[in-house]
Amino acid sequence: MGGSDLFTGTLDVLILKALSREPMHGYAIGLWLRRVSREVFNVQEGVLYPALHRLLRNRWVTARWGTTETNRRAKFYAVTPAGLEHLEAEEAKLTEHSEAVLAVLKGAGV
């Protein structure tokens, strides 16, 4: 599932979740999402970086220049306290909605 298949709010939550572990550069965020989702989420740069800019505008992440593991210069993103609050609230809503979708797909309550 490419980045365009993800709802904007869902992608924001997934990026915040990745950054809640540790600061990361964009490429590392994409790799983490792909690995953790078992290759389902392959978020393209053209979707990932606009999402990171949106998170910066909302002050849910900060950015600073640093050096990657391969000694390259990259912008590292870190979640802010406001971003963690947003993540917590949205994670609860997303979990509730996901469970409701699964219940419908499984025909629960029929």
PDB file of N, CA and C in Angstrom:
ATOM      1  N   MET A   1       0.862  -1.177   0.000  1.00  0.00           N
ATOM      2  CA  MET A   1       0.000   0.000   0.000  1.00  0.00           C
ATOM      3  C   MET A   1       0.896   1.223   0.000  1.00  0.00           C
ATOM      4  N   GLY A   2       0.795   2.008  -1.028  1.00  0.00           N
ATOM      5  CA  GLY A   2       1.604   3.214  -1.130  1.00  0.00           C
ATOM      6  C   GLY A   2       1.066   4.308  -0.238  1.00  0.00           C
ATOM      7  N   GLY A   3       1.850   5.357  -0.104  1.00  0.00           N
ATOM      8  CA  GLY A   3       1.456   6.470   0.746  1.00  0.00           C
ATOM      9  C   GLY A   3       0.147   7.091   0.326  1.00  0.00           C
ATOM     10  N   SER A   4      -0.149   7.126  -0.981  1.00  0.00           N
ATOM     11  CA  SER A   4      -1.388   7.746  -1.423  1.00  0.00           C
ATOM     12  C   SER A   4      -2.601   6.935  -1.024  1.00  0.00           C
ATOM     13  N   ASP A   5      -2.407   5.681  -0.650  1.00  0.00           N
ATOM     14  CA  ASP A   5      -3.506   4.844  -0.204  1.00  0.00           C
ATOM     15  C   ASP A   5      -3.855   5.083   1.263  1.00  0.00           C
ATOM     16  N   LEU A   6      -2.982   5.771   1.975  1.00  0.00           N
ATOM     17  CA  LEU A   6      -3.217   6.049   3.389  1.00  0.00           C
ATOM     18  C   LEU A   6      -3.964   7.359   3.534  1.00  0.00           C
ATOM     19  N   PHE A   7      -4.929   7.384   4.413  1.00  0.00           N
ATOM     20  CA  PHE A   7      -5.569   8.652   4.733  1.00  0.00           C
ATOM     21  C   PHE A   7      -4.523   9.553   5.374  1.00  0.00           C
ATOM     22  N   THR A   8      -4.612  10.838   5.114  1.00  0.00           N
ATOM     23  CA  THR A   8      -3.641  11.801   5.634  1.00  0.00           C
ATOM     24  C   THR A   8      -3.488  11.679   7.144  1.00  0.00           C
ATOM     25  N   GLY A   9      -4.592  11.659   7.875  1.00  0.00           N
ATOM     26  CA  GLY A   9      -4.523  11.577   9.328  1.00  0.00           C
ATOM     27  C   GLY A   9      -3.872  10.301   9.809  1.00  0.00           C
ATOM     28  N   THR A  10      -4.128   9.216   9.089  1.00  0.00           N
ATOM     29  CA  THR A  10      -3.522   7.933   9.464  1.00  0.00           C
ATOM     30  C   THR A  10      -2.015   7.982   9.262  1.00  0.00           C
ATOM     31  N   LEU A  11      -1.575   8.524   8.145  1.00  0.00           N
ATOM     32  CA  LEU A  11      -0.142   8.636   7.896  1.00  0.00           C
ATOM     33  C   LEU A  11       0.517   9.495   8.968  1.00  0.00           C
ATOM     34  N   ASP A  12      -0.121  10.598   9.337  1.00  0.00           N
ATOM     35  CA  ASP A  12       0.429  11.449  10.392  1.00  0.00           C
ATOM     36  C   ASP A  12       0.613  10.667  11.685  1.00  0.00           C
ATOM     37  N   VAL A  13      -0.370   9.881  12.047  1.00  0.00           N
ATOM     38  CA  VAL A  13      -0.296   9.083  13.277  1.00  0.00           C
ATOM     39  C   VAL A  13       0.832   8.060  13.185  1.00  0.00           C
ATOM     40  N   LEU A  14       0.972   7.414  12.035  1.00  0.00           N
ATOM     41  CA  LEU A  14       2.024   6.409  11.868  1.00  0.00           C
ATOM     42  C   LEU A  14       3.411   7.047  11.960  1.00  0.00           C
ATOM     43  N   ILE A  15       3.565   8.231  11.384  1.00  0.00           N
ATOM     44  CA  ILE A  15       4.853   8.929  11.487  1.00  0.00           C
ATOM     45  C   ILE A  15       5.124   9.337  12.928  1.00  0.00           C
ATOM     46  N   LEU A  16       4.132   9.882  13.606  1.00  0.00           N
ATOM     47  CA  LEU A  16       4.308  10.251  15.018  1.00  0.00           C
ATOM     48  C   LEU A  16       4.656   9.031  15.860  1.00  0.00           C
ATOM     49  N   LYS A  17       4.047   7.895  15.557  1.00  0.00           N
ATOM     50  CA  LYS A  17       4.345   6.656  16.292  1.00  0.00           C
ATOM     51  C   LYS A  17       5.811   6.279  16.095  1.00  0.00           C
ATOM     52  N   ALA A  18       6.280   6.354  14.853  1.00  0.00           N
ATOM     53  CA  ALA A  18       7.687   6.048  14.575  1.00  0.00           C
ATOM     54  C   ALA A  18       8.603   6.972  15.369  1.00  0.00           C
ATOM     55  N   LEU A  19       8.284   8.259  15.367  1.00  0.00           N
ATOM     56  CA  LEU A  19       9.130   9.239  16.043  1.00  0.00           C
ATOM     57  C   LEU A  19       8.998   9.208  17.555  1.00  0.00           C
ATOM     58  N   SER A  20       7.946   8.578  18.063  1.00  0.00           N
ATOM     59  CA  SER A  20       7.800   8.478  19.520  1.00  0.00           C
ATOM     60  C   SER A  20       8.856   7.534  20.108  1.00  0.00           C
ATOM     61  N   ARG A  21       9.455   6.732  19.271  1.00  0.00           N
ATOM     62  CA  ARG A  21      10.508   5.810  19.705  1.00  0.00           C
ATOM     63  C   ARG A  21      11.848   6.526  19.823  1.00  0.00           C
ATOM     64  N   GLU A  22      12.149   7.346  18.771  1.00  0.00           N
ATOM     65  CA  GLU A  22      13.418   8.073  18.716  1.00  0.00           C
ATOM     66  C   GLU A  22      13.384   9.023  17.530  1.00  0.00           C
ATOM     67  N   PRO A  23      14.190  10.081  17.552  1.00  0.00           N
ATOM     68  CA  PRO A  23      14.280  10.956  16.378  1.00  0.00           C
ATOM     69  C   PRO A  23      14.807  10.159  15.178  1.00  0.00           C
ATOM     70  N   MET A  24      14.291  10.476  13.988  1.00  0.00           N
ATOM     71  CA  MET A  24      14.711   9.781  12.775  1.00  0.00           C
ATOM     72  C   MET A  24      14.708  10.740  11.598  1.00  0.00           C
ATOM     73  N   HIS A  25      15.503  10.411  10.591  1.00  0.00           N
ATOM     74  CA  HIS A  25      15.436  11.148   9.335  1.00  0.00           C
ATOM     75  C   HIS A  25      14.357  10.499   8.466  1.00  0.00           C
ATOM     76  N   GLY A  26      13.942  11.216   7.421  1.00  0.00           N
ATOM     77  CA  GLY A  26      12.827  10.757   6.598  1.00  0.00           C
ATOM     78  C   GLY A  26      12.991   9.362   6.041  1.00  0.00           C
ATOM     79  N   TYR A  27      14.156   9.059   5.499  1.00  0.00           N
ATOM     80  CA  TYR A  27      14.375   7.742   4.916  1.00  0.00           C
ATOM     81  C   TYR A  27      14.203   6.646   5.966  1.00  0.00           C
ATOM     82  N   ALA A  28      14.712   6.887   7.172  1.00  0.00           N
ATOM     83  CA  ALA A  28      14.590   5.903   8.255  1.00  0.00           C
ATOM     84  C   ALA A  28      13.133   5.720   8.678  1.00  0.00           C
ATOM     85  N   ILE A  29      12.352   6.793   8.643  1.00  0.00           N
ATOM     86  CA  ILE A  29      10.927   6.690   8.970  1.00  0.00           C
ATOM     87  C   ILE A  29      10.244   5.770   7.969  1.00  0.00           C
ATOM     88  N   GLY A  30      10.518   5.989   6.678  1.00  0.00           N
ATOM     89  CA  GLY A  30       9.940   5.136   5.637  1.00  0.00           C
ATOM     90  C   GLY A  30      10.326   3.680   5.814  1.00  0.00           C
ATOM     91  N   LEU A  31      11.588   3.419   6.110  1.00  0.00           N
ATOM     92  CA  LEU A  31      12.042   2.041   6.339  1.00  0.00           C
ATOM     93  C   LEU A  31      11.341   1.423   7.533  1.00  0.00           C
ATOM     94  N   TRP A  32      11.223   2.183   8.618  1.00  0.00           N
ATOM     95  CA  TRP A  32      10.576   1.670   9.831  1.00  0.00           C
ATOM     96  C   TRP A  32       9.125   1.306   9.549  1.00  0.00           C
ATOM     97  N   LEU A  33       8.402   2.196   8.847  1.00  0.00           N
ATOM     98  CA  LEU A  33       7.001   1.918   8.534  1.00  0.00           C
ATOM     99  C   LEU A  33       6.865   0.667   7.671  1.00  0.00           C
ATOM    100  N   ARG A  34       7.754   0.528   6.700  1.00  0.00           N
ATOM    101  CA  ARG A  34       7.713  -0.650   5.838  1.00  0.00           C
ATOM    102  C   ARG A  34       8.007  -1.925   6.634  1.00  0.00           C
ATOM    103  N   ARG A  35       9.026  -1.866   7.492  1.00  0.00           N
ATOM    104  CA  ARG A  35       9.416  -3.053   8.272  1.00  0.00           C
ATOM    105  C   ARG A  35       8.329  -3.451   9.267  1.00  0.00           C
ATOM    106  N   VAL A  36       7.834  -2.487  10.035  1.00  0.00           N
ATOM    107  CA  VAL A  36       6.851  -2.782  11.073  1.00  0.00           C
ATOM    108  C   VAL A  36       5.522  -3.241  10.473  1.00  0.00           C
ATOM    109  N   SER A  37       5.177  -2.707   9.286  1.00  0.00           N
ATOM    110  CA  SER A  37       3.921  -3.105   8.642  1.00  0.00           C
ATOM    111  C   SER A  37       4.068  -4.372   7.802  1.00  0.00           C
ATOM    112  N   ARG A  38       5.212  -5.003   7.907  1.00  0.00           N
ATOM    113  CA  ARG A  38       5.491  -6.222   7.129  1.00  0.00           C
ATOM    114  C   ARG A  38       5.345  -5.970   5.631  1.00  0.00           C
ATOM    115  N   GLU A  39       5.942  -4.856   5.202  1.00  0.00           N
ATOM    116  CA  GLU A  39       6.011  -4.470   3.784  1.00  0.00           C
ATOM    117  C   GLU A  39       4.686  -3.975   3.202  1.00  0.00           C
ATOM    118  N   VAL A  40       3.664  -3.750   4.030  1.00  0.00           N
ATOM    119  CA  VAL A  40       2.381  -3.258   3.524  1.00  0.00           C
ATOM    120  C   VAL A  40       2.458  -1.763   3.217  1.00  0.00           C
ATOM    121  N   PHE A  41       3.052  -0.985   4.115  1.00  0.00           N
ATOM    122  CA  PHE A  41       3.150   0.462   3.929  1.00  0.00           C
ATOM    123  C   PHE A  41       4.491   0.823   3.319  1.00  0.00           C
ATOM    124  N   ASN A  42       4.469   1.146   2.040  1.00  0.00           N
ATOM    125  CA  ASN A  42       5.656   1.606   1.332  1.00  0.00           C
ATOM    126  C   ASN A  42       5.415   3.073   0.991  1.00  0.00           C
ATOM    127  N   VAL A  43       5.702   3.931   1.945  1.00  0.00           N
ATOM    128  CA  VAL A  43       5.387   5.353   1.815  1.00  0.00           C
ATOM    129  C   VAL A  43       6.455   6.029   0.961  1.00  0.00           C
ATOM    130  N   GLN A  44       6.035   6.553  -0.165  1.00  0.00           N
ATOM    131  CA  GLN A  44       6.945   7.206  -1.099  1.00  0.00           C
ATOM    132  C   GLN A  44       7.374   8.576  -0.574  1.00  0.00           C
ATOM    133  N   GLU A  45       8.554   9.025  -1.006  1.00  0.00           N
ATOM    134  CA  GLU A  45       9.077  10.331  -0.571  1.00  0.00           C
ATOM    135  C   GLU A  45       8.108  11.468  -0.877  1.00  0.00           C
ATOM    136  N   GLY A  46       7.426  11.387  -2.008  1.00  0.00           N
ATOM    137  CA  GLY A  46       6.499  12.429  -2.408  1.00  0.00           C
ATOM    138  C   GLY A  46       5.289  12.549  -1.509  1.00  0.00           C
ATOM    139  N   VAL A  47       5.077  11.551  -0.670  1.00  0.00           N
ATOM    140  CA  VAL A  47       3.984  11.568   0.312  1.00  0.00           C
ATOM    141  C   VAL A  47       4.550  11.806   1.712  1.00  0.00           C
ATOM    142  N   LEU A  48       5.684  11.186   2.000  1.00  0.00           N
ATOM    143  CA  LEU A  48       6.280  11.267   3.337  1.00  0.00           C
ATOM    144  C   LEU A  48       6.722  12.690   3.685  1.00  0.00           C
ATOM    145  N   TYR A  49       7.442  13.335   2.793  1.00  0.00           N
ATOM    146  CA  TYR A  49       7.989  14.652   3.132  1.00  0.00           C
ATOM    147  C   TYR A  49       6.921  15.736   3.265  1.00  0.00           C
ATOM    148  N   PRO A  50       5.889  15.754   2.421  1.00  0.00           N
ATOM    149  CA  PRO A  50       4.793  16.703   2.688  1.00  0.00           C
ATOM    150  C   PRO A  50       4.125  16.445   4.038  1.00  0.00           C
ATOM    151  N   ALA A  51       4.012  15.171   4.429  1.00  0.00           N
ATOM    152  CA  ALA A  51       3.437  14.846   5.744  1.00  0.00           C
ATOM    153  C   ALA A  51       4.332  15.384   6.858  1.00  0.00           C
ATOM    154  N   LEU A  52       5.643  15.229   6.717  1.00  0.00           N
ATOM    155  CA  LEU A  52       6.567  15.754   7.728  1.00  0.00           C
ATOM    156  C   LEU A  52       6.481  17.276   7.812  1.00  0.00           C
ATOM    157  N   HIS A  53       6.339  17.934   6.680  1.00  0.00           N
ATOM    158  CA  HIS A  53       6.180  19.402   6.680  1.00  0.00           C
ATOM    159  C   HIS A  53       4.872  19.814   7.361  1.00  0.00           C
ATOM    160  N   ARG A  54       3.827  19.033   7.135  1.00  0.00           N
ATOM    161  CA  ARG A  54       2.536  19.300   7.797  1.00  0.00           C
ATOM    162  C   ARG A  54       2.687  19.144   9.313  1.00  0.00           C
ATOM    163  N   LEU A  55       3.390  18.099   9.744  1.00  0.00           N
ATOM    164  CA  LEU A  55       3.609  17.873  11.179  1.00  0.00           C
ATOM    165  C   LEU A  55       4.446  19.003  11.780  1.00  0.00           C
ATOM    166  N   LEU A  56       5.408  19.505  11.023  1.00  0.00           N
ATOM    167  CA  LEU A  56       6.204  20.651  11.479  1.00  0.00           C
ATOM    168  C   LEU A  56       5.326  21.894  11.637  1.00  0.00           C
ATOM    169  N   ARG A  57       4.473  22.159  10.651  1.00  0.00           N
ATOM    170  CA  ARG A  57       3.579  23.335  10.722  1.00  0.00           C
ATOM    171  C   ARG A  57       2.648  23.260  11.927  1.00  0.00           C
ATOM    172  N   ASN A  58       2.207  22.053  12.253  1.00  0.00           N
ATOM    173  CA  ASN A  58       1.315  21.861  13.404  1.00  0.00           C
ATOM    174  C   ASN A  58       2.072  21.821  14.725  1.00  0.00           C
ATOM    175  N   ARG A  59       3.392  21.900  14.638  1.00  0.00           N
ATOM    176  CA  ARG A  59       4.272  21.860  15.814  1.00  0.00           C
ATOM    177  C   ARG A  59       4.183  20.532  16.573  1.00  0.00           C
ATOM    178  N   TRP A  60       3.905  19.467  15.819  1.00  0.00           N
ATOM    179  CA  TRP A  60       3.875  18.128  16.412  1.00  0.00           C
ATOM    180  C   TRP A  60       5.232  17.451  16.318  1.00  0.00           C
ATOM    181  N   VAL A  61       6.105  18.002  15.462  1.00  0.00           N
ATOM    182  CA  VAL A  61       7.491  17.536  15.377  1.00  0.00           C
ATOM    183  C   VAL A  61       8.402  18.745  15.247  1.00  0.00           C
ATOM    184  N   THR A  62       9.660  18.526  15.569  1.00  0.00           N
ATOM    185  CA  THR A  62      10.710  19.514  15.321  1.00  0.00           C
ATOM    186  C   THR A  62      11.709  18.856  14.369  1.00  0.00           C
ATOM    187  N   ALA A  63      12.586  19.671  13.800  1.00  0.00           N
ATOM    188  CA  ALA A  63      13.596  19.134  12.882  1.00  0.00           C
ATOM    189  C   ALA A  63      14.937  19.798  13.155  1.00  0.00           C
ATOM    190  N   ARG A  64      15.995  19.021  13.005  1.00  0.00           N
ATOM    191  CA  ARG A  64      17.352  19.556  13.135  1.00  0.00           C
ATOM    192  C   ARG A  64      18.246  18.760  12.180  1.00  0.00           C
ATOM    193  N   TRP A  65      19.291  19.410  11.721  1.00  0.00           N
ATOM    194  CA  TRP A  65      20.235  18.731  10.837  1.00  0.00           C
ATOM    195  C   TRP A  65      21.177  17.862  11.660  1.00  0.00           C
ATOM    196  N   GLY A  66      21.519  16.703  11.103  1.00  0.00           N
ATOM    197  CA  GLY A  66      22.442  15.796  11.762  1.00  0.00           C
ATOM    198  C   GLY A  66      23.107  14.896  10.732  1.00  0.00           C
ATOM    199  N   THR A  67      23.795  13.890  11.222  1.00  0.00           N
ATOM    200  CA  THR A  67      24.514  12.954  10.362  1.00  0.00           C
ATOM    201  C   THR A  67      23.938  11.558  10.529  1.00  0.00           C
ATOM    202  N   THR A  68      23.693  10.895   9.401  1.00  0.00           N
ATOM    203  CA  THR A  68      23.117   9.549   9.422  1.00  0.00           C
ATOM    204  C   THR A  68      24.181   8.508   9.767  1.00  0.00           C
ATOM    205  N   GLU A  69      23.728   7.265   9.867  1.00  0.00           N
ATOM    206  CA  GLU A  69      24.627   6.136  10.148  1.00  0.00           C
ATOM    207  C   GLU A  69      25.651   5.976   9.035  1.00  0.00           C
ATOM    208  N   THR A  70      25.294   6.429   7.826  1.00  0.00           N
ATOM    209  CA  THR A  70      26.191   6.314   6.674  1.00  0.00           C
ATOM    210  C   THR A  70      26.974   7.604   6.441  1.00  0.00           C
ATOM    211  N   ASN A  71      27.014   8.455   7.458  1.00  0.00           N
ATOM    212  CA  ASN A  71      27.790   9.697   7.443  1.00  0.00           C
ATOM    213  C   ASN A  71      27.281  10.717   6.429  1.00  0.00           C
ATOM    214  N   ARG A  72      25.976  10.713   6.191  1.00  0.00           N
ATOM    215  CA  ARG A  72      25.362  11.696   5.302  1.00  0.00           C
ATOM    216  C   ARG A  72      24.608  12.726   6.136  1.00  0.00           C
ATOM    217  N   ARG A  73      24.555  13.929   5.617  1.00  0.00           N
ATOM    218  CA  ARG A  73      23.807  15.003   6.280  1.00  0.00           C
ATOM    219  C   ARG A  73      22.321  14.810   6.000  1.00  0.00           C
ATOM    220  N   ALA A  74      21.493  14.865   7.052  1.00  0.00           N
ATOM    221  CA  ALA A  74      20.053  14.678   6.894  1.00  0.00           C
ATOM    222  C   ALA A  74      19.322  15.435   7.981  1.00  0.00           C
ATOM    223  N   LYS A  75      18.063  15.721   7.712  1.00  0.00           N
ATOM    224  CA  LYS A  75      17.216  16.382   8.704  1.00  0.00           C
ATOM    225  C   LYS A  75      16.585  15.298   9.572  1.00  0.00           C
ATOM    226  N   PHE A  76      16.769  15.423  10.884  1.00  0.00           N
ATOM    227  CA  PHE A  76      16.190  14.469  11.840  1.00  0.00           C
ATOM    228  C   PHE A  76      14.954  15.099  12.470  1.00  0.00           C
ATOM    229  N   TYR A  77      13.899  14.321  12.553  1.00  0.00           N
ATOM    230  CA  TYR A  77      12.627  14.785  13.102  1.00  0.00           C
ATOM    231  C   TYR A  77      12.430  14.150  14.470  1.00  0.00           C
ATOM    232  N   ALA A  78      11.868  14.931  15.390  1.00  0.00           N
ATOM    233  CA  ALA A  78      11.578  14.455  16.746  1.00  0.00           C
ATOM    234  C   ALA A  78      10.174  14.909  17.119  1.00  0.00           C
ATOM    235  N   VAL A  79       9.460  14.068  17.833  1.00  0.00           N
ATOM    236  CA  VAL A  79       8.101  14.412  18.235  1.00  0.00           C
ATOM    237  C   VAL A  79       8.150  15.379  19.423  1.00  0.00           C
ATOM    238  N   THR A  80       7.216  16.313  19.448  1.00  0.00           N
ATOM    239  CA  THR A  80       7.111  17.294  20.536  1.00  0.00           C
ATOM    240  C   THR A  80       6.093  16.790  21.566  1.00  0.00           C
ATOM    241  N   PRO A  81       6.042  17.422  22.746  1.00  0.00           N
ATOM    242  CA  PRO A  81       4.999  17.051  23.717  1.00  0.00           C
ATOM    243  C   PRO A  81       3.588  17.188  23.115  1.00  0.00           C
ATOM    244  N   ALA A  82       3.354  18.238  22.318  1.00  0.00           N
ATOM    245  CA  ALA A  82       2.045  18.395  21.678  1.00  0.00           C
ATOM    246  C   ALA A  82       1.800  17.266  20.681  1.00  0.00           C
ATOM    247  N   GLY A  83       2.850  16.834  19.999  1.00  0.00           N
ATOM    248  CA  GLY A  83       2.741  15.717  19.064  1.00  0.00           C
ATOM    249  C   GLY A  83       2.403  14.421  19.774  1.00  0.00           C
ATOM    250  N   LEU A  84       2.982  14.220  20.948  1.00  0.00           N
ATOM    251  CA  LEU A  84       2.668  13.015  21.732  1.00  0.00           C
ATOM    252  C   LEU A  84       1.213  13.023  22.196  1.00  0.00           C
ATOM    253  N   GLU A  85       0.720  14.200  22.584  1.00  0.00           N
ATOM    254  CA  GLU A  85      -0.695  14.309  22.980  1.00  0.00           C
ATOM    255  C   GLU A  85      -1.601  13.999  21.795  1.00  0.00           C
ATOM    256  N   HIS A  86      -1.262  14.561  20.642  1.00  0.00           N
ATOM    257  CA  HIS A  86      -2.046  14.301  19.432  1.00  0.00           C
ATOM    258  C   HIS A  86      -1.998  12.815  19.078  1.00  0.00           C
ATOM    259  N   LEU A  87      -0.822  12.221  19.157  1.00  0.00           N
ATOM    260  CA  LEU A  87      -0.666  10.793  18.868  1.00  0.00           C
ATOM    261  C   LEU A  87      -1.555   9.954  19.770  1.00  0.00           C
ATOM    262  N   GLU A  88      -1.541  10.240  21.052  1.00  0.00           N
ATOM    263  CA  GLU A  88      -2.334   9.471  22.011  1.00  0.00           C
ATOM    264  C   GLU A  88      -3.828   9.543  21.674  1.00  0.00           C
ATOM    265  N   ALA A  89      -4.316  10.739  21.402  1.00  0.00           N
ATOM    266  CA  ALA A  89      -5.736  10.913  21.096  1.00  0.00           C
ATOM    267  C   ALA A  89      -6.107  10.232  19.780  1.00  0.00           C
ATOM    268  N   GLU A  90      -5.293  10.432  18.758  1.00  0.00           N
ATOM    269  CA  GLU A  90      -5.598   9.871  17.441  1.00  0.00           C
ATOM    270  C   GLU A  90      -5.407   8.358  17.400  1.00  0.00           C
ATOM    271  N   GLU A  91      -4.443   7.872  18.167  1.00  0.00           N
ATOM    272  CA  GLU A  91      -4.208   6.426  18.233  1.00  0.00           C
ATOM    273  C   GLU A  91      -5.432   5.722  18.817  1.00  0.00           C
ATOM    274  N   ALA A  92      -6.031   6.319  19.841  1.00  0.00           N
ATOM    275  CA  ALA A  92      -7.236   5.737  20.449  1.00  0.00           C
ATOM    276  C   ALA A  92      -8.388   5.719  19.452  1.00  0.00           C
ATOM    277  N   LYS A  93      -8.577   6.826  18.714  1.00  0.00           N
ATOM    278  CA  LYS A  93      -9.655   6.880  17.718  1.00  0.00           C
ATOM    279  C   LYS A  93      -9.420   5.888  16.588  1.00  0.00           C
ATOM    280  N   LEU A  94      -8.180   5.829  16.111  1.00  0.00           N
ATOM    281  CA  LEU A  94      -7.853   4.936  15.009  1.00  0.00           C
ATOM    282  C   LEU A  94      -8.032   3.470  15.411  1.00  0.00           C
ATOM    283  N   THR A  95      -7.652   3.137  16.630  1.00  0.00           N
ATOM    284  CA  THR A  95      -7.834   1.773  17.132  1.00  0.00           C
ATOM    285  C   THR A  95      -9.317   1.431  17.206  1.00  0.00           C
ATOM    286  N   GLU A  96     -10.116   2.354  17.726  1.00  0.00           N
ATOM    287  CA  GLU A  96     -11.560   2.130  17.819  1.00  0.00           C
ATOM    288  C   GLU A  96     -12.172   1.916  16.435  1.00  0.00           C
ATOM    289  N   HIS A  97     -11.803   2.759  15.488  1.00  0.00           N
ATOM    290  CA  HIS A  97     -12.329   2.634  14.126  1.00  0.00           C
ATOM    291  C   HIS A  97     -11.875   1.344  13.463  1.00  0.00           C
ATOM    292  N   SER A  98     -10.607   0.966  13.661  1.00  0.00           N
ATOM    293  CA  SER A  98     -10.088  -0.271  13.077  1.00  0.00           C
ATOM    294  C   SER A  98     -10.819  -1.488  13.627  1.00  0.00           C
ATOM    295  N   GLU A  99     -11.062  -1.488  14.929  1.00  0.00           N
ATOM    296  CA  GLU A  99     -11.794  -2.603  15.545  1.00  0.00           C
ATOM    297  C   GLU A  99     -13.222  -2.672  15.028  1.00  0.00           C
ATOM    298  N   ALA A 100     -13.850  -1.512  14.799  1.00  0.00           N
ATOM    299  CA  ALA A 100     -15.212  -1.489  14.258  1.00  0.00           C
ATOM    300  C   ALA A 100     -15.239  -2.021  12.831  1.00  0.00           C
ATOM    301  N   VAL A 101     -14.264  -1.645  12.018  1.00  0.00           N
ATOM    302  CA  VAL A 101     -14.187  -2.151  10.646  1.00  0.00           C
ATOM    303  C   VAL A 101     -14.008  -3.673  10.661  1.00  0.00           C
ATOM    304  N   LEU A 102     -13.121  -4.172  11.509  1.00  0.00           N
ATOM    305  CA  LEU A 102     -12.932  -5.622  11.600  1.00  0.00           C
ATOM    306  C   LEU A 102     -14.191  -6.335  12.045  1.00  0.00           C
ATOM    307  N   ALA A 103     -14.917  -5.742  12.983  1.00  0.00           N
ATOM    308  CA  ALA A 103     -16.179  -6.359  13.439  1.00  0.00           C
ATOM    309  C   ALA A 103     -17.170  -6.464  12.290  1.00  0.00           C
ATOM    310  N   VAL A 104     -17.256  -5.427  11.493  1.00  0.00           N
ATOM    311  CA  VAL A 104     -18.169  -5.445  10.345  1.00  0.00           C
ATOM    312  C   VAL A 104     -17.717  -6.494   9.324  1.00  0.00           C
ATOM    313  N   LEU A 105     -16.426  -6.520   9.025  1.00  0.00           N
ATOM    314  CA  LEU A 105     -15.924  -7.477   8.050  1.00  0.00           C
ATOM    315  C   LEU A 105     -16.103  -8.917   8.497  1.00  0.00           C
ATOM    316  N   LYS A 106     -16.029  -9.153   9.787  1.00  0.00           N
ATOM    317  CA  LYS A 106     -16.197 -10.510  10.321  1.00  0.00           C
ATOM    318  C   LYS A 106     -17.650 -10.835  10.600  1.00  0.00           C
ATOM    319  N   GLY A 107     -18.539  -9.868  10.411  1.00  0.00           N
ATOM    320  CA  GLY A 107     -19.970 -10.116  10.641  1.00  0.00           C
ATOM    321  C   GLY A 107     -20.332 -10.280  12.089  1.00  0.00           C
ATOM    322  N   ALA A 108     -19.539  -9.655  12.986  1.00  0.00           N
ATOM    323  CA  ALA A 108     -19.822  -9.766  14.418  1.00  0.00           C
ATOM    324  C   ALA A 108     -21.188  -9.164  14.725  1.00  0.00           C
ATOM    325  N   GLY A 109     -21.887  -9.795  15.622  1.00  0.00           N
ATOM    326  CA  GLY A 109     -23.171  -9.280  16.064  1.00  0.00           C
ATOM    327  C   GLY A 109     -24.320  -9.605  15.131  1.00  0.00           C
ATOM    328  N   VAL A 110     -24.054 -10.430  14.125  1.00  0.00           N
ATOM    329  CA  VAL A 110     -25.121 -10.765  13.162  1.00  0.00           C
ATOM    330  C   VAL A 110     -25.844 -12.005  13.624  1.00  0.00           C
TER     331      VAL A 110
END
